[in-house]
């Protein structure tokens, strides 16, 4: 699966989670890549290769999913097959429909 290029939106995720230290930066970057890949799979289409080129709704959903994964990292069902409803709602307009 493709991964995005360029710097991930780490600062925005840290702000969202109210994290001010660099201690968990590596984990947060991995969660952002995982959320990006989940978004791509949900949409059924390749996302732009650069973080900054993603449409705002997709980028917001990626950020929210990474935050969700961080908060739920110790829960047994954190690797759910479907994103939370609020995130899916942001991504749904970009979903490739097949007939």
N, C-alpha and C. Protein backbone atom coordinates (compact mmCIF):
# COMPACT_ATOMS: atom_id res chain seq x y z
N UNK A 1 0.84 -1.18 0.00
CA UNK A 1 0.00 0.00 0.00
C UNK A 1 0.89 1.24 0.00
N UNK A 2 0.49 2.24 -0.73
CA UNK A 2 1.27 3.48 -0.82
C UNK A 2 1.23 4.24 0.50
N UNK A 3 2.28 4.97 0.74
CA UNK A 3 2.33 5.85 1.90
C UNK A 3 2.57 7.27 1.42
N UNK A 4 2.12 8.26 2.18
CA UNK A 4 2.26 9.64 1.75
C UNK A 4 3.69 10.14 1.83
N UNK A 5 3.96 11.16 1.05
CA UNK A 5 5.28 11.80 1.07
C UNK A 5 5.16 13.13 1.81
N UNK A 6 6.30 13.71 2.10
CA UNK A 6 6.31 14.99 2.80
C UNK A 6 6.12 14.80 4.29
N UNK A 7 6.17 15.87 5.00
CA UNK A 7 6.04 15.83 6.46
C UNK A 7 4.58 15.58 6.85
N UNK A 8 4.34 14.60 7.73
CA UNK A 8 2.97 14.37 8.18
C UNK A 8 2.50 15.54 9.05
N UNK A 9 1.22 15.70 9.18
CA UNK A 9 0.67 16.81 9.98
C UNK A 9 0.78 16.52 11.48
N UNK A 10 2.00 16.26 11.91
CA UNK A 10 2.25 15.88 13.30
C UNK A 10 1.87 16.99 14.27
N UNK A 11 2.19 18.22 13.94
CA UNK A 11 1.88 19.34 14.85
C UNK A 11 0.37 19.46 15.07
N UNK A 12 -0.41 19.28 14.02
CA UNK A 12 -1.86 19.37 14.17
C UNK A 12 -2.40 18.24 15.05
N UNK A 13 -1.85 17.03 14.87
CA UNK A 13 -2.29 15.91 15.69
C UNK A 13 -1.91 16.13 17.16
N UNK A 14 -0.70 16.62 17.39
CA UNK A 14 -0.28 16.88 18.77
C UNK A 14 -1.16 17.96 19.40
N UNK A 15 -1.54 18.96 18.63
CA UNK A 15 -2.43 20.00 19.15
C UNK A 15 -3.80 19.40 19.48
N UNK A 16 -4.31 18.56 18.59
CA UNK A 16 -5.61 17.91 18.78
C UNK A 16 -5.62 17.09 20.07
N UNK A 17 -4.49 16.39 20.34
CA UNK A 17 -4.39 15.52 21.51
C UNK A 17 -3.84 16.24 22.74
N UNK A 18 -3.49 17.51 22.62
CA UNK A 18 -2.90 18.29 23.71
C UNK A 18 -1.61 17.65 24.23
N UNK A 19 -0.74 17.27 23.28
CA UNK A 19 0.56 16.71 23.61
C UNK A 19 1.60 17.76 23.26
N UNK A 20 2.46 18.10 24.21
CA UNK A 20 3.44 19.16 23.95
C UNK A 20 4.88 18.65 23.93
N UNK A 21 5.11 17.39 24.27
CA UNK A 21 6.47 16.86 24.29
C UNK A 21 6.72 15.99 23.06
N UNK A 22 7.98 15.82 22.69
CA UNK A 22 8.29 14.99 21.52
C UNK A 22 8.38 13.50 21.83
N UNK A 23 8.07 13.09 23.05
CA UNK A 23 8.27 11.71 23.47
C UNK A 23 7.51 10.69 22.63
N UNK A 24 6.35 11.06 22.10
CA UNK A 24 5.53 10.10 21.36
C UNK A 24 5.44 10.43 19.87
N UNK A 25 6.34 11.24 19.37
CA UNK A 25 6.29 11.64 17.96
C UNK A 25 6.34 10.46 17.00
N UNK A 26 7.20 9.48 17.26
CA UNK A 26 7.33 8.34 16.35
C UNK A 26 6.02 7.55 16.29
N UNK A 27 5.39 7.33 17.43
CA UNK A 27 4.10 6.63 17.47
C UNK A 27 3.05 7.42 16.71
N UNK A 28 2.98 8.71 16.95
CA UNK A 28 1.98 9.55 16.29
C UNK A 28 2.18 9.56 14.78
N UNK A 29 3.41 9.59 14.32
CA UNK A 29 3.67 9.55 12.87
C UNK A 29 3.22 8.22 12.28
N UNK A 30 3.45 7.11 12.98
CA UNK A 30 2.98 5.81 12.50
C UNK A 30 1.46 5.76 12.45
N UNK A 31 0.80 6.34 13.44
CA UNK A 31 -0.66 6.38 13.45
C UNK A 31 -1.20 7.23 12.31
N UNK A 32 -0.52 8.32 11.99
CA UNK A 32 -0.95 9.15 10.86
C UNK A 32 -0.84 8.38 9.55
N UNK A 33 0.24 7.63 9.35
CA UNK A 33 0.39 6.84 8.13
C UNK A 33 -0.68 5.75 8.08
N UNK A 34 -0.94 5.12 9.20
CA UNK A 34 -1.98 4.09 9.25
C UNK A 34 -3.35 4.68 8.93
N UNK A 35 -3.64 5.85 9.48
CA UNK A 35 -4.92 6.51 9.19
C UNK A 35 -5.00 6.91 7.72
N UNK A 36 -3.90 7.36 7.14
CA UNK A 36 -3.86 7.72 5.72
C UNK A 36 -4.18 6.49 4.86
N UNK A 37 -3.58 5.35 5.23
CA UNK A 37 -3.83 4.12 4.48
C UNK A 37 -5.27 3.65 4.66
N UNK A 38 -5.83 3.81 5.85
CA UNK A 38 -7.23 3.45 6.08
C UNK A 38 -8.17 4.33 5.26
N UNK A 39 -7.84 5.60 5.17
CA UNK A 39 -8.64 6.52 4.35
C UNK A 39 -8.60 6.10 2.88
N UNK A 40 -7.43 5.76 2.40
CA UNK A 40 -7.28 5.33 1.02
C UNK A 40 -8.10 4.07 0.75
N UNK A 41 -8.05 3.12 1.68
CA UNK A 41 -8.81 1.88 1.53
C UNK A 41 -10.31 2.15 1.59
N UNK A 42 -10.74 3.03 2.49
CA UNK A 42 -12.15 3.36 2.61
C UNK A 42 -12.67 4.03 1.35
N UNK A 43 -11.89 4.97 0.83
CA UNK A 43 -12.30 5.70 -0.37
C UNK A 43 -12.27 4.82 -1.60
N UNK A 44 -11.46 3.77 -1.56
CA UNK A 44 -11.37 2.90 -2.72
C UNK A 44 -10.60 3.51 -3.86
N UNK A 45 -9.84 4.53 -3.56
CA UNK A 45 -9.05 5.22 -4.57
C UNK A 45 -7.78 5.72 -3.92
N UNK A 46 -6.77 5.90 -4.72
CA UNK A 46 -5.50 6.41 -4.20
C UNK A 46 -5.65 7.87 -3.80
N UNK A 47 -5.07 8.20 -2.69
CA UNK A 47 -5.04 9.59 -2.24
C UNK A 47 -3.86 10.30 -2.90
N UNK A 48 -3.86 11.62 -2.87
CA UNK A 48 -2.68 12.34 -3.36
C UNK A 48 -1.44 11.88 -2.58
N UNK A 49 -0.31 11.85 -3.22
CA UNK A 49 0.91 11.37 -2.58
C UNK A 49 1.45 12.29 -1.50
N UNK A 50 1.07 13.54 -1.51
CA UNK A 50 1.60 14.52 -0.55
C UNK A 50 0.53 14.82 0.51
N UNK A 51 0.96 14.88 1.76
CA UNK A 51 0.03 15.20 2.84
C UNK A 51 -0.75 16.47 2.56
N UNK A 52 -0.04 17.49 2.09
CA UNK A 52 -0.67 18.79 1.88
C UNK A 52 -1.63 18.84 0.71
N UNK A 53 -1.63 17.83 -0.15
CA UNK A 53 -2.49 17.84 -1.32
C UNK A 53 -3.84 17.16 -1.08
N UNK A 54 -4.03 16.56 0.08
CA UNK A 54 -5.29 15.88 0.37
C UNK A 54 -6.40 16.92 0.57
N UNK A 55 -7.60 16.65 0.06
CA UNK A 55 -8.72 17.56 0.30
C UNK A 55 -8.94 17.75 1.81
N UNK A 56 -9.39 18.92 2.23
CA UNK A 56 -9.53 19.20 3.66
C UNK A 56 -10.37 18.19 4.45
N UNK A 57 -11.46 17.70 3.87
CA UNK A 57 -12.30 16.73 4.60
C UNK A 57 -11.55 15.41 4.81
N UNK A 58 -10.80 14.97 3.82
CA UNK A 58 -10.02 13.74 3.97
C UNK A 58 -8.93 13.95 5.01
N UNK A 59 -8.25 15.09 4.94
CA UNK A 59 -7.18 15.38 5.89
C UNK A 59 -7.72 15.45 7.32
N UNK A 60 -8.87 16.06 7.51
CA UNK A 60 -9.48 16.15 8.84
C UNK A 60 -9.84 14.76 9.35
N UNK A 61 -10.38 13.93 8.49
CA UNK A 61 -10.71 12.56 8.88
C UNK A 61 -9.48 11.75 9.24
N UNK A 62 -8.40 11.94 8.49
CA UNK A 62 -7.15 11.26 8.79
C UNK A 62 -6.64 11.69 10.16
N UNK A 63 -6.67 12.97 10.42
CA UNK A 63 -6.24 13.50 11.71
C UNK A 63 -7.09 12.94 12.85
N UNK A 64 -8.40 12.92 12.65
CA UNK A 64 -9.30 12.41 13.68
C UNK A 64 -9.12 10.91 13.91
N UNK A 65 -8.89 10.16 12.83
CA UNK A 65 -8.69 8.73 12.99
C UNK A 65 -7.38 8.45 13.73
N UNK A 66 -6.33 9.18 13.41
CA UNK A 66 -5.07 9.01 14.13
C UNK A 66 -5.25 9.32 15.61
N UNK A 67 -6.00 10.37 15.92
CA UNK A 67 -6.27 10.71 17.33
C UNK A 67 -7.09 9.61 17.99
N UNK A 68 -8.07 9.08 17.28
CA UNK A 68 -8.88 7.98 17.81
C UNK A 68 -8.02 6.76 18.09
N UNK A 69 -7.15 6.41 17.15
CA UNK A 69 -6.28 5.26 17.33
C UNK A 69 -5.34 5.46 18.52
N UNK A 70 -4.87 6.69 18.70
CA UNK A 70 -3.99 6.99 19.84
C UNK A 70 -4.74 6.81 21.16
N UNK A 71 -5.94 7.37 21.23
CA UNK A 71 -6.70 7.28 22.47
C UNK A 71 -7.13 5.85 22.80
N UNK A 72 -7.40 5.08 21.77
CA UNK A 72 -7.89 3.71 21.96
C UNK A 72 -6.79 2.66 21.82
N UNK A 73 -5.53 3.06 21.87
CA UNK A 73 -4.43 2.14 21.58
C UNK A 73 -4.34 0.97 22.55
N UNK A 74 -4.86 1.10 23.74
CA UNK A 74 -4.80 0.01 24.72
C UNK A 74 -6.09 -0.82 24.76
N UNK A 75 -7.10 -0.39 24.01
CA UNK A 75 -8.36 -1.14 23.96
C UNK A 75 -8.18 -2.34 23.03
N UNK A 76 -8.85 -3.40 23.34
CA UNK A 76 -8.70 -4.62 22.55
C UNK A 76 -9.23 -4.51 21.14
N UNK A 77 -10.19 -3.65 20.90
CA UNK A 77 -10.81 -3.56 19.57
C UNK A 77 -10.42 -2.30 18.81
N UNK A 78 -9.25 -1.75 19.10
CA UNK A 78 -8.82 -0.51 18.47
C UNK A 78 -8.61 -0.67 16.97
N UNK A 79 -8.34 -1.87 16.50
CA UNK A 79 -8.09 -2.10 15.09
C UNK A 79 -9.37 -2.48 14.35
N UNK A 80 -10.44 -1.80 14.64
CA UNK A 80 -11.71 -2.08 14.00
C UNK A 80 -11.63 -1.91 12.49
N UNK A 81 -12.42 -2.69 11.78
CA UNK A 81 -12.38 -2.67 10.32
C UNK A 81 -13.02 -1.40 9.74
N UNK A 82 -13.86 -0.74 10.50
CA UNK A 82 -14.52 0.45 9.99
C UNK A 82 -14.17 1.65 10.86
N UNK A 83 -14.02 2.80 10.23
CA UNK A 83 -13.73 4.01 11.03
C UNK A 83 -14.98 4.46 11.78
N UNK A 84 -14.81 5.23 12.86
CA UNK A 84 -15.97 5.78 13.56
C UNK A 84 -16.86 6.57 12.60
N UNK A 85 -18.13 6.66 12.93
CA UNK A 85 -19.12 7.28 12.04
C UNK A 85 -18.78 8.72 11.65
N UNK A 86 -18.26 9.50 12.58
CA UNK A 86 -17.93 10.90 12.27
C UNK A 86 -16.83 10.99 11.22
N UNK A 87 -15.89 10.04 11.27
CA UNK A 87 -14.80 10.03 10.30
C UNK A 87 -15.31 9.52 8.95
N UNK A 88 -16.11 8.47 8.97
CA UNK A 88 -16.68 7.94 7.73
C UNK A 88 -17.52 9.00 7.02
N UNK A 89 -18.21 9.84 7.79
CA UNK A 89 -19.02 10.89 7.19
C UNK A 89 -18.16 11.90 6.44
N UNK A 90 -16.96 12.18 6.95
CA UNK A 90 -16.05 13.09 6.26
C UNK A 90 -15.52 12.47 4.96
N UNK A 91 -15.29 11.16 4.98
CA UNK A 91 -14.69 10.48 3.84
C UNK A 91 -15.69 10.01 2.80
N UNK A 92 -16.94 9.79 3.19
CA UNK A 92 -17.93 9.18 2.30
C UNK A 92 -18.10 9.90 0.96
N UNK A 93 -18.10 11.23 0.90
CA UNK A 93 -18.26 11.88 -0.41
C UNK A 93 -17.13 11.55 -1.40
N UNK A 94 -16.01 11.07 -0.91
CA UNK A 94 -14.86 10.77 -1.77
C UNK A 94 -14.79 9.28 -2.11
N UNK A 95 -15.73 8.52 -1.61
CA UNK A 95 -15.70 7.07 -1.80
C UNK A 95 -16.05 6.73 -3.25
N UNK A 96 -15.24 5.88 -3.84
CA UNK A 96 -15.49 5.43 -5.21
C UNK A 96 -16.63 4.42 -5.19
N UNK A 97 -17.67 4.70 -5.94
CA UNK A 97 -18.82 3.81 -5.99
C UNK A 97 -18.68 2.86 -7.16
N UNK A 98 -19.06 1.63 -6.91
CA UNK A 98 -19.02 0.61 -7.98
C UNK A 98 -20.42 0.12 -8.21
N UNK A 99 -20.77 -0.02 -9.47
CA UNK A 99 -22.09 -0.54 -9.81
C UNK A 99 -22.03 -1.97 -10.23
